[in-house]
Amino acid sequence: MSGLQGLAQENIWFDKSRYDEAERRFYEGMNGIPQTSQVKTALQGSKGHTRSQKPRERKTSQNASKSEDQSELVSRLKSLELDNKNLHKVVDDLRATLSKLESRMATLEKSQSPASKTVTFTKAAPVQTPKVEEHNGADDDDDIDLFGSDEEDEEAERIKAERVKEYSQRKAKKPALIAKSSILLDVKPWDDETEMSKLEECVRSIQMDGLLWGASKLVPVGYGIKKLQINCVVEDDKVGTDILEEEITKFEDYVQSVDIAAFNKI
């Protein structure tokens, strides 16, 4: 019984699995076999460590963000306090200026009030009426001439006549505008045997006051016949186209007809 009691008190056999595991690890280590259980336990321990670290990191990040928010709030509160102080200073300055203005206005009103009381009204000077001098009626009648004198009428007529004479003289000195025209005449002969040089001499022999002959040339008409085309300048008041045609057609031996090719005012 004593032996059984001793065995009951021993824990060796109850922990036999632990001793067997330790013996197996010892021999595996001696033979160079890797200890899988140790690796697993190490991995499990590292996993547990990382899992425990993640909530710690989250907590630290949350704490950091809270501290940043608090610092921002503190800075904003400080800036608001500064702005409030500045506004109080501005308000105090405005109040001081207003009080100064009120005091100045009061002094001005006080200074003006006695001056207004001491205003004196000056009396208007009496209007002086001009004195009317009395004249005798006989003298007034002598001064007024109801009928104009004949001498004044004659003087006015003389001045008028002189002005009319001066105007007519100035008008006579001005050269009058003379209306002139440039005429181009076509003088046709009877046939091709007509001497055109003689025909031109006959035309140019016509001389009138206000007539000036210009350039001329021979223009072929057809079948060897040529016409004389001659230019002339005439004064409209002195020479007309009808007179020119009549004078030229008088040379019946050379001239068949006369036509006006062009007529231009100068």
C-alpha atoms as a PDB file:
ATOM      1  CA  MET A   1       0.000   0.000   0.000  1.00  0.00           C
ATOM      2  CA  SER A   2       2.810   2.339   0.671  1.00  0.00           C
ATOM      3  CA  GLY A   3       4.182   1.723  -2.858  1.00  0.00           C
ATOM      4  CA  LEU A   4       0.850   2.499  -4.432  1.00  0.00           C
ATOM      5  CA  GLN A   5       0.509   5.637  -2.410  1.00  0.00           C
ATOM      6  CA  GLY A   6       3.952   6.707  -3.577  1.00  0.00           C
ATOM      7  CA  LEU A   7       3.063   6.088  -7.164  1.00  0.00           C
ATOM      8  CA  ALA A   8      -0.156   8.038  -6.743  1.00  0.00           C
ATOM      9  CA  GLN A   9       1.845  11.001  -5.567  1.00  0.00           C
ATOM     10  CA  GLU A  10       4.198  10.813  -8.581  1.00  0.00           C
ATOM     11  CA  ASN A  11       3.241  12.892 -11.664  1.00  0.00           C
ATOM     12  CA  ILE A  12       5.690  11.297 -14.048  1.00  0.00           C
ATOM     13  CA  TRP A  13       3.311   8.854 -15.657  1.00  0.00           C
ATOM     14  CA  PHE A  14       0.490  11.287 -15.847  1.00  0.00           C
ATOM     15  CA  ASP A  15       2.721  13.632 -17.944  1.00  0.00           C
ATOM     16  CA  LYS A  16       4.028  10.814 -20.109  1.00  0.00           C
ATOM     17  CA  SER A  17       2.878  12.513 -23.353  1.00  0.00           C
ATOM     18  CA  ARG A  18       4.961  15.541 -22.534  1.00  0.00           C
ATOM     19  CA  TYR A  19       8.027  13.382 -21.840  1.00  0.00           C
ATOM     20  CA  ASP A  20       7.509  11.483 -25.069  1.00  0.00           C
ATOM     21  CA  GLU A  21       7.220  14.729 -27.012  1.00  0.00           C
ATOM     22  CA  ALA A  22      10.407  16.024 -25.426  1.00  0.00           C
ATOM     23  CA  GLU A  23      12.250  12.805 -26.226  1.00  0.00           C
ATOM     24  CA  ARG A  24      11.070  12.935 -29.851  1.00  0.00           C
ATOM     25  CA  ARG A  25      12.246  16.523 -30.242  1.00  0.00           C
ATOM     26  CA  PHE A  26      15.637  15.573 -28.735  1.00  0.00           C
ATOM     27  CA  TYR A  27      16.229  12.765 -31.217  1.00  0.00           C
ATOM     28  CA  GLU A  28      14.967  14.870 -34.149  1.00  0.00           C
ATOM     29  CA  GLY A  29      17.421  17.543 -33.183  1.00  0.00           C
ATOM     30  CA  MET A  30      20.204  14.994 -32.973  1.00  0.00           C
ATOM     31  CA  ASN A  31      19.365  13.625 -36.433  1.00  0.00           C
ATOM     32  CA  GLY A  32      18.955  17.122 -38.094  1.00  0.00           C
ATOM     33  CA  ILE A  33      15.175  16.872 -38.644  1.00  0.00           C
ATOM     34  CA  PRO A  34      13.397  20.289 -38.460  1.00  0.00           C
ATOM     35  CA  GLN A  35      11.021  20.702 -35.599  1.00  0.00           C
ATOM     36  CA  THR A  36       7.673  21.372 -37.283  1.00  0.00           C
ATOM     37  CA  SER A  37       5.845  21.837 -34.065  1.00  0.00           C
ATOM     38  CA  GLN A  38       8.220  24.552 -32.925  1.00  0.00           C
ATOM     39  CA  VAL A  39       7.835  26.322 -36.259  1.00  0.00           C
ATOM     40  CA  LYS A  40       4.064  26.066 -36.008  1.00  0.00           C
ATOM     41  CA  THR A  41       4.056  27.371 -32.504  1.00  0.00           C
ATOM     42  CA  ALA A  42       6.424  30.136 -33.490  1.00  0.00           C
ATOM     43  CA  LEU A  43       4.173  31.054 -36.431  1.00  0.00           C
ATOM     44  CA  GLN A  44       1.113  30.929 -34.256  1.00  0.00           C
ATOM     45  CA  GLY A  45       2.881  33.124 -31.726  1.00  0.00           C
ATOM     46  CA  SER A  46       3.903  35.624 -34.422  1.00  0.00           C
ATOM     47  CA  LYS A  47       0.364  35.666 -35.833  1.00  0.00           C
ATOM     48  CA  GLY A  48      -1.033  36.320 -32.452  1.00  0.00           C
ATOM     49  CA  HIS A  49       1.532  39.064 -31.951  1.00  0.00           C
ATOM     50  CA  THR A  50       0.632  40.769 -35.242  1.00  0.00           C
ATOM     51  CA  ARG A  51      -3.066  40.447 -34.486  1.00  0.00           C
ATOM     52  CA  SER A  52      -2.480  42.045 -31.154  1.00  0.00           C
ATOM     53  CA  GLN A  53      -0.375  44.788 -32.793  1.00  0.00           C
ATOM     54  CA  LYS A  54      -3.117  45.763 -35.354  1.00  0.00           C
ATOM     55  CA  PRO A  55      -5.659  46.991 -32.838  1.00  0.00           C
ATOM     56  CA  ARG A  56      -2.853  48.775 -31.032  1.00  0.00           C
ATOM     57  CA  GLU A  57      -1.892  50.584 -34.267  1.00  0.00           C
ATOM     58  CA  ARG A  58      -5.531  51.441 -34.918  1.00  0.00           C
ATOM     59  CA  LYS A  59      -5.838  52.850 -31.459  1.00  0.00           C
ATOM     60  CA  THR A  60      -2.679  54.917 -31.863  1.00  0.00           C
ATOM     61  CA  SER A  61      -3.861  56.287 -35.287  1.00  0.00           C
ATOM     62  CA  GLN A  62      -7.231  57.191 -33.810  1.00  0.00           C
ATOM     63  CA  ASN A  63      -5.532  58.907 -30.918  1.00  0.00           C
ATOM     64  CA  ALA A  64      -3.228  60.807 -33.325  1.00  0.00           C
ATOM     65  CA  SER A  65      -6.183  61.985 -35.460  1.00  0.00           C
ATOM     66  CA  LYS A  66      -8.036  63.089 -32.360  1.00  0.00           C
ATOM     67  CA  SER A  67      -5.002  65.021 -31.171  1.00  0.00           C
ATOM     68  CA  GLU A  68      -4.665  66.718 -34.621  1.00  0.00           C
ATOM     69  CA  ASP A  69      -8.352  67.690 -34.602  1.00  0.00           C
ATOM     70  CA  GLN A  70      -7.962  69.099 -31.149  1.00  0.00           C
ATOM     71  CA  SER A  71      -4.893  71.099 -32.195  1.00  0.00           C
ATOM     72  CA  GLU A  72      -6.798  72.521 -35.217  1.00  0.00           C
ATOM     73  CA  LEU A  73      -9.705  73.500 -33.007  1.00  0.00           C
ATOM     74  CA  VAL A  74      -7.337  75.179 -30.580  1.00  0.00           C
ATOM     75  CA  SER A  75      -5.641  77.136 -33.379  1.00  0.00           C
ATOM     76  CA  ARG A  76      -9.015  78.226 -34.798  1.00  0.00           C
ATOM     77  CA  LEU A  77     -10.185  79.329 -31.399  1.00  0.00           C
ATOM     78  CA  LYS A  78      -7.016  81.364 -30.948  1.00  0.00           C
ATOM     79  CA  SER A  79      -7.469  83.046 -34.360  1.00  0.00           C
ATOM     80  CA  LEU A  80     -11.119  83.837 -33.540  1.00  0.00           C
ATOM     81  CA  GLU A  81     -10.068  85.360 -30.252  1.00  0.00           C
ATOM     82  CA  LEU A  82      -7.525  87.560 -32.040  1.00  0.00           C
ATOM     83  CA  ASP A  83     -10.141  88.675 -34.589  1.00  0.00           C
ATOM     84  CA  ASN A  84     -12.551  89.446 -31.778  1.00  0.00           C
ATOM     85  CA  LYS A  85      -9.941  91.579 -30.038  1.00  0.00           C
ATOM     86  CA  ASN A  86      -9.207  93.473 -33.245  1.00  0.00           C
ATOM     87  CA  LEU A  87     -12.921  94.115 -33.811  1.00  0.00           C
ATOM     88  CA  HIS A  88     -13.263  95.399 -30.271  1.00  0.00           C
ATOM     89  CA  LYS A  89     -10.379  97.809 -30.917  1.00  0.00           C
ATOM     90  CA  VAL A  90     -11.981  99.063 -34.140  1.00  0.00           C
ATOM     91  CA  VAL A  91     -15.316  99.575 -32.411  1.00  0.00           C
ATOM     92  CA  ASP A  92     -13.618 101.475 -29.588  1.00  0.00           C
ATOM     93  CA  ASP A  93     -11.829 103.725 -32.104  1.00  0.00           C
ATOM     94  CA  LEU A  94     -15.097 104.463 -33.913  1.00  0.00           C
ATOM     95  CA  ARG A  95     -16.795 105.321 -30.669  1.00  0.00           C
ATOM     96  CA  ALA A  96     -13.955 107.678 -29.760  1.00  0.00           C
ATOM     97  CA  THR A  97     -14.135 109.459 -33.127  1.00  0.00           C
ATOM     98  CA  LEU A  98     -17.920 109.762 -32.847  1.00  0.00           C
ATOM     99  CA  SER A  99     -17.629 111.274 -29.413  1.00  0.00           C
ATOM    100  CA  LYS A 100     -15.052 113.778 -30.735  1.00  0.00           C
ATOM    101  CA  LEU A 101     -17.346 114.741 -33.614  1.00  0.00           C
ATOM    102  CA  GLU A 102     -20.282 115.196 -31.255  1.00  0.00           C
ATOM    103  CA  SER A 103     -18.219 117.435 -28.993  1.00  0.00           C
ATOM    104  CA  ARG A 104     -17.083 119.536 -31.977  1.00  0.00           C
ATOM    105  CA  MET A 105     -20.643 119.905 -33.241  1.00  0.00           C
ATOM    106  CA  ALA A 106     -21.769 120.997 -29.808  1.00  0.00           C
ATOM    107  CA  THR A 107     -19.026 123.644 -29.596  1.00  0.00           C
ATOM    108  CA  LEU A 108     -19.873 124.927 -33.095  1.00  0.00           C
ATOM    109  CA  GLU A 109     -23.574 125.207 -32.230  1.00  0.00           C
ATOM    110  CA  LYS A 110     -22.722 127.090 -29.060  1.00  0.00           C
ATOM    111  CA  SER A 111     -20.433 129.499 -30.929  1.00  0.00           C
ATOM    112  CA  GLN A 112     -23.046 130.155 -33.655  1.00  0.00           C
ATOM    113  CA  SER A 113     -26.002 130.728 -31.342  1.00  0.00           C
ATOM    114  CA  PRO A 114     -24.834 134.096 -29.878  1.00  0.00           C
ATOM    115  CA  ALA A 115     -23.765 135.308 -33.296  1.00  0.00           C
ATOM    116  CA  SER A 116     -27.246 134.677 -34.635  1.00  0.00           C
ATOM    117  CA  LYS A 117     -28.736 136.632 -31.745  1.00  0.00           C
ATOM    118  CA  THR A 118     -26.538 139.676 -32.374  1.00  0.00           C
ATOM    119  CA  VAL A 119     -27.480 140.020 -36.027  1.00  0.00           C
ATOM    120  CA  THR A 120     -28.474 143.610 -36.766  1.00  0.00           C
ATOM    121  CA  PHE A 121     -30.864 144.543 -39.470  1.00  0.00           C
ATOM    122  CA  THR A 122     -29.796 147.554 -41.523  1.00  0.00           C
ATOM    123  CA  LYS A 123     -32.474 149.829 -42.820  1.00  0.00           C
ATOM    124  CA  ALA A 124     -32.846 150.044 -46.540  1.00  0.00           C
ATOM    125  CA  ALA A 125     -31.835 153.361 -48.002  1.00  0.00           C
ATOM    126  CA  PRO A 126     -34.748 155.342 -49.390  1.00  0.00           C
ATOM    127  CA  VAL A 127     -35.090 155.300 -53.151  1.00  0.00           C
ATOM    128  CA  GLN A 128     -34.360 158.652 -54.641  1.00  0.00           C
ATOM    129  CA  THR A 129     -36.829 159.638 -57.298  1.00  0.00           C
ATOM    130  CA  PRO A 130     -35.281 161.582 -60.174  1.00  0.00           C
ATOM    131  CA  LYS A 131     -36.403 165.115 -60.398  1.00  0.00           C
ATOM    132  CA  VAL A 132     -38.270 166.005 -63.521  1.00  0.00           C
ATOM    133  CA  GLU A 133     -37.321 169.394 -64.889  1.00  0.00           C
ATOM    134  CA  GLU A 134     -40.139 171.475 -66.200  1.00  0.00           C
ATOM    135  CA  HIS A 135     -39.687 173.089 -69.582  1.00  0.00           C
ATOM    136  CA  ASN A 136     -41.762 175.537 -71.389  1.00  0.00           C
ATOM    137  CA  GLY A 137     -43.998 174.082 -74.052  1.00  0.00           C
ATOM    138  CA  ALA A 138     -42.901 176.621 -76.619  1.00  0.00           C
ATOM    139  CA  ASP A 139     -39.250 175.507 -76.510  1.00  0.00           C
ATOM    140  CA  ASP A 140     -40.206 171.822 -77.007  1.00  0.00           C
ATOM    141  CA  ASP A 141     -42.254 172.614 -80.038  1.00  0.00           C
ATOM    142  CA  ASP A 142     -39.346 174.494 -81.562  1.00  0.00           C
ATOM    143  CA  ASP A 143     -36.943 171.527 -81.125  1.00  0.00           C
ATOM    144  CA  ILE A 144     -39.221 168.909 -82.772  1.00  0.00           C
ATOM    145  CA  ASP A 145     -39.269 168.961 -86.593  1.00  0.00           C
ATOM    146  CA  LEU A 146     -42.362 167.098 -87.746  1.00  0.00           C
ATOM    147  CA  PHE A 147     -41.490 167.404 -91.409  1.00  0.00           C
ATOM    148  CA  GLY A 148     -38.038 166.299 -92.586  1.00  0.00           C
ATOM    149  CA  SER A 149     -35.902 168.867 -94.290  1.00  0.00           C
ATOM    150  CA  ASP A 150     -35.371 168.767 -98.042  1.00  0.00           C
ATOM    151  CA  GLU A 151     -31.610 168.875 -97.589  1.00  0.00           C
ATOM    152  CA  GLU A 152     -31.563 165.477 -95.830  1.00  0.00           C
ATOM    153  CA  ASP A 153     -33.589 163.866 -98.635  1.00  0.00           C
ATOM    154  CA  GLU A 154     -31.230 165.212-101.254  1.00  0.00           C
ATOM    155  CA  GLU A 155     -28.180 163.926 -99.356  1.00  0.00           C
ATOM    156  CA  ALA A 156     -29.666 160.436 -99.088  1.00  0.00           C
ATOM    157  CA  GLU A 157     -30.476 160.328-102.798  1.00  0.00           C
ATOM    158  CA  ARG A 158     -26.973 161.469-103.666  1.00  0.00           C
ATOM    159  CA  ILE A 159     -25.394 158.712-101.524  1.00  0.00           C
ATOM    160  CA  LYS A 160     -27.684 156.115-103.094  1.00  0.00           C
ATOM    161  CA  ALA A 161     -26.768 157.208-106.604  1.00  0.00           C
ATOM    162  CA  GLU A 162     -23.056 157.019-105.806  1.00  0.00           C
ATOM    163  CA  ARG A 163     -23.396 153.479-104.464  1.00  0.00           C
ATOM    164  CA  VAL A 164     -25.319 152.341-107.559  1.00  0.00           C
ATOM    165  CA  LYS A 165     -22.664 153.869-109.809  1.00  0.00           C
ATOM    166  CA  GLU A 166     -19.833 152.106-107.919  1.00  0.00           C
ATOM    167  CA  TYR A 167     -21.658 148.756-108.129  1.00  0.00           C
ATOM    168  CA  SER A 168     -22.182 149.099-111.893  1.00  0.00           C
ATOM    169  CA  GLN A 169     -18.512 149.989-112.413  1.00  0.00           C
ATOM    170  CA  ARG A 170     -17.332 146.977-110.444  1.00  0.00           C
ATOM    171  CA  LYS A 171     -19.703 144.730-112.372  1.00  0.00           C
ATOM    172  CA  ALA A 172     -18.445 146.119-115.694  1.00  0.00           C
ATOM    173  CA  LYS A 173     -14.834 145.406-114.736  1.00  0.00           C
ATOM    174  CA  LYS A 174     -15.546 141.734-114.104  1.00  0.00           C
ATOM    175  CA  PRO A 175     -15.056 139.645-117.268  1.00  0.00           C
ATOM    176  CA  ALA A 176     -18.299 138.072-118.398  1.00  0.00           C
ATOM    177  CA  LEU A 177     -18.336 134.313-118.835  1.00  0.00           C
ATOM    178  CA  ILE A 178     -18.507 133.435-122.525  1.00  0.00           C
ATOM    179  CA  ALA A 179     -20.280 130.199-123.388  1.00  0.00           C
ATOM    180  CA  LYS A 180     -18.282 128.190-125.901  1.00  0.00           C
ATOM    181  CA  SER A 181     -18.763 124.872-127.678  1.00  0.00           C
ATOM    182  CA  SER A 182     -16.479 122.410-129.442  1.00  0.00           C
ATOM    183  CA  ILE A 183     -17.967 121.068-132.703  1.00  0.00           C
ATOM    184  CA  LEU A 184     -16.648 118.194-134.850  1.00  0.00           C
ATOM    185  CA  LEU A 185     -17.916 118.435-138.460  1.00  0.00           C
ATOM    186  CA  ASP A 186     -18.006 115.732-141.141  1.00  0.00           C
ATOM    187  CA  VAL A 187     -17.762 117.327-144.609  1.00  0.00           C
ATOM    188  CA  LYS A 188     -18.485 114.801-147.407  1.00  0.00           C
ATOM    189  CA  PRO A 189     -17.387 115.310-151.036  1.00  0.00           C
ATOM    190  CA  TRP A 190     -19.266 114.282-154.176  1.00  0.00           C
ATOM    191  CA  ASP A 191     -16.933 111.498-155.250  1.00  0.00           C
ATOM    192  CA  ASP A 192     -13.396 110.187-155.060  1.00  0.00           C
ATOM    193  CA  GLU A 193     -12.211 112.634-157.716  1.00  0.00           C
ATOM    194  CA  THR A 194     -12.886 115.701-155.510  1.00  0.00           C
ATOM    195  CA  GLU A 195      -9.728 117.481-154.361  1.00  0.00           C
ATOM    196  CA  MET A 196      -9.853 117.234-150.588  1.00  0.00           C
ATOM    197  CA  SER A 197      -7.125 119.815-150.105  1.00  0.00           C
ATOM    198  CA  LYS A 198      -9.185 122.364-152.033  1.00  0.00           C
ATOM    199  CA  LEU A 199     -12.275 121.411-150.057  1.00  0.00           C
ATOM    200  CA  GLU A 200     -10.432 122.016-146.767  1.00  0.00           C
ATOM    201  CA  GLU A 201      -9.227 125.413-148.008  1.00  0.00           C
ATOM    202  CA  CYS A 202     -12.780 126.399-148.810  1.00  0.00           C
ATOM    203  CA  VAL A 203     -13.997 125.367-145.356  1.00  0.00           C
ATOM    204  CA  ARG A 204     -11.186 127.200-143.567  1.00  0.00           C
ATOM    205  CA  SER A 205     -11.840 130.310-145.658  1.00  0.00           C
ATOM    206  CA  ILE A 206     -15.044 130.850-143.686  1.00  0.00           C
ATOM    207  CA  GLN A 207     -14.214 133.481-141.048  1.00  0.00           C
ATOM    208  CA  MET A 208     -16.664 134.771-138.389  1.00  0.00           C
ATOM    209  CA  ASP A 209     -16.496 136.593-135.084  1.00  0.00           C
ATOM    210  CA  GLY A 210     -16.444 133.853-132.457  1.00  0.00           C
ATOM    211  CA  LEU A 211     -15.252 131.060-134.815  1.00  0.00           C
ATOM    212  CA  LEU A 212     -11.912 129.304-134.490  1.00  0.00           C
ATOM    213  CA  TRP A 213     -10.908 126.365-136.721  1.00  0.00           C
ATOM    214  CA  GLY A 214      -8.914 123.495-135.263  1.00  0.00           C
ATOM    215  CA  ALA A 215      -7.326 120.236-136.381  1.00  0.00           C
ATOM    216  CA  SER A 216      -8.587 118.202-139.319  1.00  0.00           C
ATOM    217  CA  LYS A 217      -8.058 114.805-140.935  1.00  0.00           C
ATOM    218  CA  LEU A 218      -9.306 112.667-143.828  1.00  0.00           C
ATOM    219  CA  VAL A 219     -11.378 109.646-142.873  1.00  0.00           C
ATOM    220  CA  PRO A 220     -12.088 106.915-145.487  1.00  0.00           C
ATOM    221  CA  VAL A 221     -15.777 106.278-146.132  1.00  0.00           C
ATOM    222  CA  GLY A 222     -15.730 103.587-148.850  1.00  0.00           C
ATOM    223  CA  TYR A 223     -15.060 102.977-152.539  1.00  0.00           C
ATOM    224  CA  GLY A 224     -12.015 105.251-152.339  1.00  0.00           C
ATOM    225  CA  ILE A 225     -14.057 108.207-151.052  1.00  0.00           C
ATOM    226  CA  LYS A 226     -12.776 110.129-148.028  1.00  0.00           C
ATOM    227  CA  LYS A 227     -14.531 112.708-145.877  1.00  0.00           C
ATOM    228  CA  LEU A 228     -13.044 115.750-144.160  1.00  0.00           C
ATOM    229  CA  GLN A 229     -13.356 115.674-140.392  1.00  0.00           C
ATOM    230  CA  ILE A 230     -12.583 119.114-138.978  1.00  0.00           C
ATOM    231  CA  ASN A 231     -12.854 120.551-135.455  1.00  0.00           C
ATOM    232  CA  CYS A 232     -13.848 124.096-134.513  1.00  0.00           C
ATOM    233  CA  VAL A 233     -14.607 126.165-131.406  1.00  0.00           C
ATOM    234  CA  VAL A 234     -17.498 128.655-131.510  1.00  0.00           C
ATOM    235  CA  GLU A 235     -19.022 131.169-129.138  1.00  0.00           C
ATOM    236  CA  ASP A 236     -22.648 130.174-128.591  1.00  0.00           C
ATOM    237  CA  ASP A 237     -23.957 133.760-128.642  1.00  0.00           C
ATOM    238  CA  LYS A 238     -22.245 134.632-131.959  1.00  0.00           C
ATOM    239  CA  VAL A 239     -22.024 131.457-134.079  1.00  0.00           C
ATOM    240  CA  GLY A 240     -24.609 128.729-134.496  1.00  0.00           C
ATOM    241  CA  THR A 241     -24.482 125.323-136.162  1.00  0.00           C
ATOM    242  CA  ASP A 242     -27.079 126.333-138.780  1.00  0.00           C
ATOM    243  CA  ILE A 243     -24.927 129.251-139.935  1.00  0.00           C
ATOM    244  CA  LEU A 244     -21.876 126.980-140.238  1.00  0.00           C
ATOM    245  CA  GLU A 245     -23.779 124.416-142.321  1.00  0.00           C
ATOM    246  CA  GLU A 246     -25.140 127.093-144.643  1.00  0.00           C
ATOM    247  CA  GLU A 247     -21.722 128.683-145.179  1.00  0.00           C
ATOM    248  CA  ILE A 248     -20.010 125.332-145.866  1.00  0.00           C
ATOM    249  CA  THR A 249     -22.699 124.033-148.251  1.00  0.00           C
ATOM    250  CA  LYS A 250     -22.267 127.172-150.369  1.00  0.00           C
ATOM    251  CA  PHE A 251     -19.238 125.456-151.907  1.00  0.00           C
ATOM    252  CA  GLU A 252     -21.412 123.224-154.090  1.00  0.00           C
ATOM    253  CA  ASP A 253     -18.603 122.155-156.380  1.00  0.00           C
ATOM    254  CA  TYR A 254     -16.791 120.354-153.559  1.00  0.00           C
ATOM    255  CA  VAL A 255     -19.276 119.772-150.722  1.00  0.00           C
ATOM    256  CA  GLN A 256     -22.136 117.274-150.916  1.00  0.00           C
ATOM    257  CA  SER A 257     -23.289 117.438-147.224  1.00  0.00           C
ATOM    258  CA  VAL A 258     -22.263 118.517-143.724  1.00  0.00           C
ATOM    259  CA  ASP A 259     -23.005 116.545-140.564  1.00  0.00           C
ATOM    260  CA  ILE A 260     -22.235 117.251-136.896  1.00  0.00           C
ATOM    261  CA  ALA A 261     -20.239 114.280-135.559  1.00  0.00           C
ATOM    262  CA  ALA A 262     -19.763 115.650-132.006  1.00  0.00           C
ATOM    263  CA  PHE A 263     -20.937 118.680-129.988  1.00  0.00           C
ATOM    264  CA  ASN A 264     -19.462 119.454-126.529  1.00  0.00           C
ATOM    265  CA  LYS A 265     -19.853 122.451-124.243  1.00  0.00           C
ATOM    266  CA  ILE A 266     -16.630 123.996-122.962  1.00  0.00           C
END
